[in-house]
C-alpha atoms as a PDB file:
ATOM      1  CA  UNK A   1      -0.148  -0.051  -0.118  1.00  0.00           C
ATOM      2  CA  UNK A   2       2.842   2.198   0.905  1.00  0.00           C
ATOM      3  CA  UNK A   3       4.800   1.309  -1.920  1.00  0.00           C
ATOM      4  CA  UNK A   4       1.795   1.971  -4.435  1.00  0.00           C
ATOM      5  CA  UNK A   5       1.033   5.419  -2.784  1.00  0.00           C
ATOM      6  CA  UNK A   6       4.881   6.475  -3.402  1.00  0.00           C
ATOM      7  CA  UNK A   7       4.736   5.328  -6.914  1.00  0.00           C
ATOM      8  CA  UNK A   8       1.501   7.333  -7.578  1.00  0.00           C
ATOM      9  CA  UNK A   9       3.159  10.587  -5.903  1.00  0.00           C
ATOM     10  CA  UNK A  10       6.381   9.949  -7.948  1.00  0.00           C
ATOM     11  CA  UNK A  11       4.056   9.608 -11.281  1.00  0.00           C
ATOM     12  CA  UNK A  12       2.400  12.903 -10.412  1.00  0.00           C
ATOM     13  CA  UNK A  13       5.360  14.874  -9.665  1.00  0.00           C
ATOM     14  CA  UNK A  14       6.944  13.618 -13.119  1.00  0.00           C
ATOM     15  CA  UNK A  15       3.885  14.313 -15.027  1.00  0.00           C
ATOM     16  CA  UNK A  16       3.681  17.872 -13.306  1.00  0.00           C
ATOM     17  CA  UNK A  17       7.281  18.764 -14.150  1.00  0.00           C
ATOM     18  CA  UNK A  18       6.825  17.525 -17.796  1.00  0.00           C
ATOM     19  CA  UNK A  19       3.728  19.903 -17.886  1.00  0.00           C
ATOM     20  CA  UNK A  20       5.310  22.759 -16.477  1.00  0.00           C
ATOM     21  CA  UNK A  21       8.588  22.223 -18.907  1.00  0.00           C
ATOM     22  CA  UNK A  22       6.350  22.064 -22.082  1.00  0.00           C
ATOM     23  CA  UNK A  23       4.681  25.457 -21.100  1.00  0.00           C
ATOM     24  CA  UNK A  24       7.852  26.968 -20.245  1.00  0.00           C
ATOM     25  CA  UNK A  25       9.390  25.806 -23.673  1.00  0.00           C
ATOM     26  CA  UNK A  26       6.200  27.293 -25.597  1.00  0.00           C
ATOM     27  CA  UNK A  27       6.858  30.775 -23.837  1.00  0.00           C
ATOM     28  CA  UNK A  28      10.440  30.792 -24.253  1.00  0.00           C
ATOM     29  CA  UNK A  29      10.954  29.682 -27.562  1.00  0.00           C
ATOM     30  CA  UNK A  30       9.749  32.951 -29.086  1.00  0.00           C
ATOM     31  CA  UNK A  31      12.434  34.858 -27.462  1.00  0.00           C
ATOM     32  CA  UNK A  32      14.937  32.883 -29.078  1.00  0.00           C
ATOM     33  CA  UNK A  33      13.457  32.718 -32.400  1.00  0.00           C
ATOM     34  CA  UNK A  34      10.893  35.511 -33.113  1.00  0.00           C
ATOM     35  CA  UNK A  35       9.513  34.263 -36.140  1.00  0.00           C
ATOM     36  CA  UNK A  36       8.105  31.190 -34.336  1.00  0.00           C
ATOM     37  CA  UNK A  37       6.069  33.697 -32.213  1.00  0.00           C
ATOM     38  CA  UNK A  38       2.885  33.617 -34.108  1.00  0.00           C
ATOM     39  CA  UNK A  39       3.104  29.912 -34.653  1.00  0.00           C
ATOM     40  CA  UNK A  40       3.660  28.962 -30.793  1.00  0.00           C
ATOM     41  CA  UNK A  41       0.887  31.421 -29.910  1.00  0.00           C
ATOM     42  CA  UNK A  42      -1.652  29.401 -32.281  1.00  0.00           C
ATOM     43  CA  UNK A  43      -0.521  26.248 -31.023  1.00  0.00           C
ATOM     44  CA  UNK A  44      -0.746  27.473 -27.553  1.00  0.00           C
ATOM     45  CA  UNK A  45      -4.215  28.612 -27.737  1.00  0.00           C
ATOM     46  CA  UNK A  46      -5.132  25.352 -29.809  1.00  0.00           C
ATOM     47  CA  UNK A  47      -3.691  22.974 -27.243  1.00  0.00           C
ATOM     48  CA  UNK A  48      -5.622  24.896 -24.206  1.00  0.00           C
ATOM     49  CA  UNK A  49      -8.943  24.618 -26.124  1.00  0.00           C
ATOM     50  CA  UNK A  50      -8.327  21.114 -26.980  1.00  0.00           C
ATOM     51  CA  UNK A  51      -7.458  20.318 -23.396  1.00  0.00           C
ATOM     52  CA  UNK A  52      -9.274  22.981 -21.419  1.00  0.00           C
ATOM     53  CA  UNK A  53     -11.171  20.244 -19.245  1.00  0.00           C
ATOM     54  CA  UNK A  54      -7.599  18.453 -18.434  1.00  0.00           C
ATOM     55  CA  UNK A  55      -6.011  21.590 -17.650  1.00  0.00           C
ATOM     56  CA  UNK A  56      -9.140  22.589 -15.461  1.00  0.00           C
ATOM     57  CA  UNK A  57      -8.674  19.200 -13.800  1.00  0.00           C
ATOM     58  CA  UNK A  58      -4.874  19.713 -13.102  1.00  0.00           C
ATOM     59  CA  UNK A  59      -5.474  23.245 -11.669  1.00  0.00           C
ATOM     60  CA  UNK A  60      -8.336  21.436  -9.560  1.00  0.00           C
ATOM     61  CA  UNK A  61      -5.799  19.069  -8.332  1.00  0.00           C
ATOM     62  CA  UNK A  62      -3.520  21.956  -6.528  1.00  0.00           C
ATOM     63  CA  UNK A  63      -6.866  23.461  -5.361  1.00  0.00           C
ATOM     64  CA  UNK A  64      -7.898  20.427  -3.323  1.00  0.00           C
ATOM     65  CA  UNK A  65      -4.300  19.876  -2.115  1.00  0.00           C
ATOM     66  CA  UNK A  66      -3.723  23.643  -0.995  1.00  0.00           C
ATOM     67  CA  UNK A  67      -7.067  24.486   0.165  1.00  0.00           C
ATOM     68  CA  UNK A  68      -7.461  21.141   2.212  1.00  0.00           C
ATOM     69  CA  UNK A  69     -11.359  20.839   1.465  1.00  0.00           C
ATOM     70  CA  UNK A  70     -11.119  17.109   1.743  1.00  0.00           C
ATOM     71  CA  UNK A  71      -8.298  14.418   1.916  1.00  0.00           C
ATOM     72  CA  UNK A  72      -8.278  10.681   1.427  1.00  0.00           C
ATOM     73  CA  UNK A  73     -10.718   8.700   3.814  1.00  0.00           C
ATOM     74  CA  UNK A  74     -13.403  11.742   4.014  1.00  0.00           C
ATOM     75  CA  UNK A  75     -16.730  11.167   2.998  1.00  0.00           C
ATOM     76  CA  UNK A  76     -17.704  13.940   0.739  1.00  0.00           C
ATOM     77  CA  UNK A  77     -20.360  15.052  -2.043  1.00  0.00           C
ATOM     78  CA  UNK A  78     -19.355  16.885  -5.167  1.00  0.00           C
ATOM     79  CA  UNK A  79     -22.700  17.516  -7.168  1.00  0.00           C
ATOM     80  CA  UNK A  80     -24.765  14.501  -7.277  1.00  0.00           C
ATOM     81  CA  UNK A  81     -21.767  11.742  -6.338  1.00  0.00           C
ATOM     82  CA  UNK A  82     -21.298  10.896  -2.561  1.00  0.00           C
ATOM     83  CA  UNK A  83     -18.356   8.713  -1.522  1.00  0.00           C
ATOM     84  CA  UNK A  84     -15.382   8.027   0.300  1.00  0.00           C
ATOM     85  CA  UNK A  85     -12.026   9.586  -1.200  1.00  0.00           C
ATOM     86  CA  UNK A  86      -9.631   6.793  -1.929  1.00  0.00           C
ATOM     87  CA  UNK A  87      -7.309   8.609  -4.141  1.00  0.00           C
ATOM     88  CA  UNK A  88      -6.550  12.281  -5.165  1.00  0.00           C
ATOM     89  CA  UNK A  89      -4.835  11.978  -8.658  1.00  0.00           C
ATOM     90  CA  UNK A  90      -3.578  14.989 -10.888  1.00  0.00           C
ATOM     91  CA  UNK A  91      -6.908  14.697 -13.222  1.00  0.00           C
ATOM     92  CA  UNK A  92      -9.333  12.445 -11.214  1.00  0.00           C
ATOM     93  CA  UNK A  93     -10.712  11.888  -7.700  1.00  0.00           C
ATOM     94  CA  UNK A  94     -11.563   8.229  -6.919  1.00  0.00           C
ATOM     95  CA  UNK A  95     -14.216   7.387  -4.608  1.00  0.00           C
ATOM     96  CA  UNK A  96     -15.978   4.652  -3.090  1.00  0.00           C
ATOM     97  CA  UNK A  97     -19.788   5.341  -3.879  1.00  0.00           C
ATOM     98  CA  UNK A  98     -22.313   5.709  -0.935  1.00  0.00           C
ATOM     99  CA  UNK A  99     -25.883   5.289  -1.329  1.00  0.00           C
ATOM    100  CA  UNK A 100     -27.946   8.506  -0.775  1.00  0.00           C
ATOM    101  CA  UNK A 101     -31.481   7.222  -0.377  1.00  0.00           C
ATOM    102  CA  UNK A 102     -33.696   5.670   2.243  1.00  0.00           C
ATOM    103  CA  UNK A 103     -32.464   2.220   1.142  1.00  0.00           C
ATOM    104  CA  UNK A 104     -28.720   2.672   0.623  1.00  0.00           C
ATOM    105  CA  UNK A 105     -27.964   5.960   2.789  1.00  0.00           C
ATOM    106  CA  UNK A 106     -24.680   5.569   4.210  1.00  0.00           C
ATOM    107  CA  UNK A 107     -23.950   2.264   2.826  1.00  0.00           C
ATOM    108  CA  UNK A 108     -21.297   1.585   0.308  1.00  0.00           C
ATOM    109  CA  UNK A 109     -22.745   0.203  -3.004  1.00  0.00           C
ATOM    110  CA  UNK A 110     -19.383  -1.406  -4.357  1.00  0.00           C
ATOM    111  CA  UNK A 111     -19.084   0.918  -7.093  1.00  0.00           C
ATOM    112  CA  UNK A 112     -15.765   2.902  -7.755  1.00  0.00           C
ATOM    113  CA  UNK A 113     -16.472   6.168  -9.145  1.00  0.00           C
ATOM    114  CA  UNK A 114     -13.657   8.436 -11.110  1.00  0.00           C
ATOM    115  CA  UNK A 115     -14.614  12.112 -10.559  1.00  0.00           C
ATOM    116  CA  UNK A 116     -12.804  15.072 -12.581  1.00  0.00           C
ATOM    117  CA  UNK A 117     -11.017  17.453 -10.457  1.00  0.00           C
ATOM    118  CA  UNK A 118     -12.574  20.142 -12.448  1.00  0.00           C
ATOM    119  CA  UNK A 119     -15.899  19.595 -10.562  1.00  0.00           C
ATOM    120  CA  UNK A 120     -14.248  21.092  -7.524  1.00  0.00           C
ATOM    121  CA  UNK A 121     -14.205  24.341  -9.245  1.00  0.00           C
ATOM    122  CA  UNK A 122     -17.646  24.698 -10.107  1.00  0.00           C
ATOM    123  CA  UNK A 123     -19.793  22.353  -7.849  1.00  0.00           C
ATOM    124  CA  UNK A 124     -20.540  22.732  -4.172  1.00  0.00           C
ATOM    125  CA  UNK A 125     -18.408  20.265  -2.036  1.00  0.00           C
ATOM    126  CA  UNK A 126     -19.876  18.891   0.981  1.00  0.00           C
ATOM    127  CA  UNK A 127     -17.485  17.324   3.445  1.00  0.00           C
ATOM    128  CA  UNK A 128     -19.117  15.102   5.877  1.00  0.00           C
ATOM    129  CA  UNK A 129     -15.881  14.056   7.912  1.00  0.00           C
ATOM    130  CA  UNK A 130     -15.060  17.572   9.138  1.00  0.00           C
ATOM    131  CA  UNK A 131     -16.086  20.835  10.877  1.00  0.00           C
ATOM    132  CA  UNK A 132     -14.929  24.106  12.337  1.00  0.00           C
ATOM    133  CA  UNK A 133     -13.610  23.636  16.024  1.00  0.00           C
ATOM    134  CA  UNK A 134     -14.452  26.274  18.604  1.00  0.00           C
ATOM    135  CA  UNK A 135     -11.365  28.540  17.434  1.00  0.00           C
ATOM    136  CA  UNK A 136     -12.322  28.198  13.788  1.00  0.00           C
ATOM    137  CA  UNK A 137      -9.889  25.558  12.540  1.00  0.00           C
ATOM    138  CA  UNK A 138     -11.028  23.177  10.159  1.00  0.00           C
ATOM    139  CA  UNK A 139     -10.541  19.672  11.737  1.00  0.00           C
ATOM    140  CA  UNK A 140     -11.475  15.768  11.144  1.00  0.00           C
ATOM    141  CA  UNK A 141     -14.760  15.238  12.701  1.00  0.00           C
ATOM    142  CA  UNK A 142     -16.255  11.682  12.062  1.00  0.00           C
ATOM    143  CA  UNK A 143     -19.561  12.824  13.472  1.00  0.00           C
ATOM    144  CA  UNK A 144     -22.770  14.065  11.569  1.00  0.00           C
ATOM    145  CA  UNK A 145     -26.313  14.994  12.304  1.00  0.00           C
ATOM    146  CA  UNK A 146     -29.149  12.245  11.248  1.00  0.00           C
ATOM    147  CA  UNK A 147     -32.728  11.915  12.074  1.00  0.00           C
ATOM    148  CA  UNK A 148     -35.130   9.139  12.880  1.00  0.00           C
ATOM    149  CA  UNK A 149     -38.857   9.780  11.800  1.00  0.00           C
ATOM    150  CA  UNK A 150     -41.410   7.518  13.541  1.00  0.00           C
ATOM    151  CA  UNK A 151     -45.031   7.655  12.303  1.00  0.00           C
ATOM    152  CA  UNK A 152     -48.073   7.622  14.870  1.00  0.00           C
ATOM    153  CA  UNK A 153     -51.501   6.984  14.695  1.00  0.00           C
ATOM    154  CA  UNK A 154     -53.642  10.413  15.242  1.00  0.00           C
ATOM    155  CA  UNK A 155     -55.039   9.207  18.599  1.00  0.00           C
ATOM    156  CA  UNK A 156     -51.625   8.208  20.019  1.00  0.00           C
ATOM    157  CA  UNK A 157     -50.385  10.013  23.319  1.00  0.00           C
ATOM    158  CA  UNK A 158     -47.928  12.145  21.185  1.00  0.00           C
ATOM    159  CA  UNK A 159     -46.486  14.147  24.038  1.00  0.00           C
ATOM    160  CA  UNK A 160     -45.487  10.743  25.753  1.00  0.00           C
ATOM    161  CA  UNK A 161     -44.018   9.312  22.683  1.00  0.00           C
ATOM    162  CA  UNK A 162     -41.930  12.656  22.281  1.00  0.00           C
ATOM    163  CA  UNK A 163     -40.596  12.209  26.089  1.00  0.00           C
ATOM    164  CA  UNK A 164     -39.394   8.715  25.361  1.00  0.00           C
ATOM    165  CA  UNK A 165     -37.831   9.467  21.753  1.00  0.00           C
ATOM    166  CA  UNK A 166     -36.027  12.221  23.792  1.00  0.00           C
ATOM    167  CA  UNK A 167     -34.731  10.123  26.655  1.00  0.00           C
ATOM    168  CA  UNK A 168     -33.418   7.536  24.010  1.00  0.00           C
ATOM    169  CA  UNK A 169     -31.602  10.334  21.855  1.00  0.00           C
ATOM    170  CA  UNK A 170     -30.306  12.044  24.880  1.00  0.00           C
ATOM    171  CA  UNK A 171     -28.739   8.736  26.158  1.00  0.00           C
ATOM    172  CA  UNK A 172     -26.951   8.460  22.588  1.00  0.00           C
ATOM    173  CA  UNK A 173     -25.996  12.092  22.437  1.00  0.00           C
ATOM    174  CA  UNK A 174     -24.441  12.303  25.996  1.00  0.00           C
ATOM    175  CA  UNK A 175     -22.176   9.001  25.104  1.00  0.00           C
ATOM    176  CA  UNK A 176     -20.671  10.699  21.533  1.00  0.00           C
ATOM    177  CA  UNK A 177     -20.443  14.203  23.131  1.00  0.00           C
ATOM    178  CA  UNK A 178     -18.099  12.587  25.761  1.00  0.00           C
ATOM    179  CA  UNK A 179     -16.197  10.714  23.446  1.00  0.00           C
ATOM    180  CA  UNK A 180     -15.697  13.876  21.159  1.00  0.00           C
ATOM    181  CA  UNK A 181     -14.660  15.862  24.111  1.00  0.00           C
ATOM    182  CA  UNK A 182     -11.509  13.479  24.376  1.00  0.00           C
ATOM    183  CA  UNK A 183     -10.755  13.469  20.672  1.00  0.00           C
ATOM    184  CA  UNK A 184     -10.850  17.339  19.929  1.00  0.00           C
ATOM    185  CA  UNK A 185      -8.738  18.823  22.194  1.00  0.00           C
ATOM    186  CA  UNK A 186      -9.042  22.368  20.492  1.00  0.00           C
ATOM    187  CA  UNK A 187     -12.775  22.652  21.030  1.00  0.00           C
ATOM    188  CA  UNK A 188     -15.502  20.735  20.017  1.00  0.00           C
ATOM    189  CA  UNK A 189     -17.098  21.112  16.442  1.00  0.00           C
ATOM    190  CA  UNK A 190     -19.771  24.067  16.039  1.00  0.00           C
ATOM    191  CA  UNK A 191     -22.463  21.299  15.606  1.00  0.00           C
ATOM    192  CA  UNK A 192     -21.749  19.220  18.736  1.00  0.00           C
ATOM    193  CA  UNK A 193     -21.853  22.430  20.702  1.00  0.00           C
ATOM    194  CA  UNK A 194     -25.426  22.854  19.420  1.00  0.00           C
ATOM    195  CA  UNK A 195     -26.481  19.338  20.752  1.00  0.00           C
ATOM    196  CA  UNK A 196     -25.053  19.893  24.327  1.00  0.00           C
ATOM    197  CA  UNK A 197     -28.519  21.695  25.319  1.00  0.00           C
ATOM    198  CA  UNK A 198     -30.159  18.536  24.461  1.00  0.00           C
ATOM    199  CA  UNK A 199     -31.896  16.388  21.680  1.00  0.00           C
ATOM    200  CA  UNK A 200     -34.348  18.030  19.421  1.00  0.00           C
ATOM    201  CA  UNK A 201     -37.504  16.449  18.838  1.00  0.00           C
ATOM    202  CA  UNK A 202     -40.350  17.786  16.344  1.00  0.00           C
ATOM    203  CA  UNK A 203     -43.863  17.088  15.580  1.00  0.00           C
ATOM    204  CA  UNK A 204     -45.415  16.977  12.191  1.00  0.00           C
ATOM    205  CA  UNK A 205     -48.833  16.332  11.312  1.00  0.00           C
ATOM    206  CA  UNK A 206     -50.564  15.315   8.143  1.00  0.00           C
ATOM    207  CA  UNK A 207     -53.947  13.876   7.147  1.00  0.00           C
ATOM    208  CA  UNK A 208     -53.159  10.094   8.104  1.00  0.00           C
ATOM    209  CA  UNK A 209     -50.680  10.264  10.872  1.00  0.00           C
ATOM    210  CA  UNK A 210     -48.450  12.371  13.355  1.00  0.00           C
ATOM    211  CA  UNK A 211     -44.795  12.185  12.622  1.00  0.00           C
ATOM    212  CA  UNK A 212     -42.264  12.671  15.529  1.00  0.00           C
ATOM    213  CA  UNK A 213     -38.704  13.406  14.069  1.00  0.00           C
ATOM    214  CA  UNK A 214     -35.693  13.239  16.344  1.00  0.00           C
ATOM    215  CA  UNK A 215     -32.406  14.620  15.578  1.00  0.00           C
ATOM    216  CA  UNK A 216     -29.048  13.425  16.763  1.00  0.00           C
ATOM    217  CA  UNK A 217     -25.406  12.854  16.527  1.00  0.00           C
ATOM    218  CA  UNK A 218     -24.034   9.740  14.832  1.00  0.00           C
ATOM    219  CA  UNK A 219     -20.808   8.434  13.608  1.00  0.00           C
ATOM    220  CA  UNK A 220     -20.650   8.954   9.956  1.00  0.00           C
ATOM    221  CA  UNK A 221     -19.526   5.184   9.362  1.00  0.00           C
ATOM    222  CA  UNK A 222     -22.523   3.745  11.554  1.00  0.00           C
ATOM    223  CA  UNK A 223     -25.368   6.041  11.076  1.00  0.00           C
ATOM    224  CA  UNK A 224     -27.547   3.536   9.736  1.00  0.00           C
ATOM    225  CA  UNK A 225     -26.911   1.116  12.674  1.00  0.00           C
ATOM    226  CA  UNK A 226     -27.523   3.873  15.282  1.00  0.00           C
ATOM    227  CA  UNK A 227     -30.676   4.757  13.538  1.00  0.00           C
ATOM    228  CA  UNK A 228     -31.954   1.226  13.539  1.00  0.00           C
ATOM    229  CA  UNK A 229     -30.842   0.908  17.183  1.00  0.00           C
ATOM    230  CA  UNK A 230     -32.769   3.846  18.409  1.00  0.00           C
ATOM    231  CA  UNK A 231     -35.987   2.679  16.253  1.00  0.00           C
ATOM    232  CA  UNK A 232     -35.693  -0.792  17.828  1.00  0.00           C
ATOM    233  CA  UNK A 233     -35.474   0.702  21.476  1.00  0.00           C
ATOM    234  CA  UNK A 234     -38.418   3.072  20.800  1.00  0.00           C
ATOM    235  CA  UNK A 235     -40.519   0.066  19.814  1.00  0.00           C
ATOM    236  CA  UNK A 236     -39.273  -1.747  22.874  1.00  0.00           C
ATOM    237  CA  UNK A 237     -40.156   1.208  25.066  1.00  0.00           C
ATOM    238  CA  UNK A 238     -43.834   1.458  23.864  1.00  0.00           C
ATOM    239  CA  UNK A 239     -44.359  -2.444  23.674  1.00  0.00           C
ATOM    240  CA  UNK A 240     -47.655  -3.188  25.707  1.00  0.00           C
ATOM    241  CA  UNK A 241     -48.556   0.633  25.968  1.00  0.00           C
ATOM    242  CA  UNK A 242     -51.715   1.049  24.243  1.00  0.00           C
ATOM    243  CA  UNK A 243     -51.578   5.057  24.384  1.00  0.00           C
ATOM    244  CA  UNK A 244     -48.742   4.924  21.693  1.00  0.00           C
ATOM    245  CA  UNK A 245     -49.368   3.452  18.422  1.00  0.00           C
ATOM    246  CA  UNK A 246     -47.149   3.238  15.385  1.00  0.00           C
ATOM    247  CA  UNK A 247     -49.059   3.791  11.983  1.00  0.00           C
END
């Protein structure tokens, strides 16, 4: 693994030096032979038009490396593509695709996706693995917000159901906030500060049911497992209680 990464880095450096050398040659030659100035200009324009996407991706590589918007191992979304970054090349980013629907949300699909670096220049980039710490320093986080939605019959004791869900969420949040406090020596990420006051549960009504929605902190890699655990714990708490009916 280390050897392959080293070889990839050497290859990237070699290609970069060749591109710089080619560009320098095109710029310098007219000074030694002025008669070539017109031809070199035409060649330069033609090459830039023909390879504009590759040049944009090449520039995008240095934007990614220089800005630190994401790194290998981060879970990101660029446009409509979501996945875990496996490789950052000179022209492409390689990601392990992650599902983003109700069935596959947060789970690896098994597909490898190659994303041109140029998308970083004109598409919004979401990084699920990082957040700003208390002193506004970008740090690797590993936690995100998630939510669980539970449908209840209209004649249920909604207030009681909300209290039960709040208790379950508070138990989970307390554990993760304690873990995060040990990890982030420079201060908790901003979104964790928001959850220190307690879990957030909202109630939404429609024609056929009442939805209670709980927002909670979860590790990125295990958010589906945690959501399932909270749902099963809720079912266990209301089992045998006729005042709360899941619709």
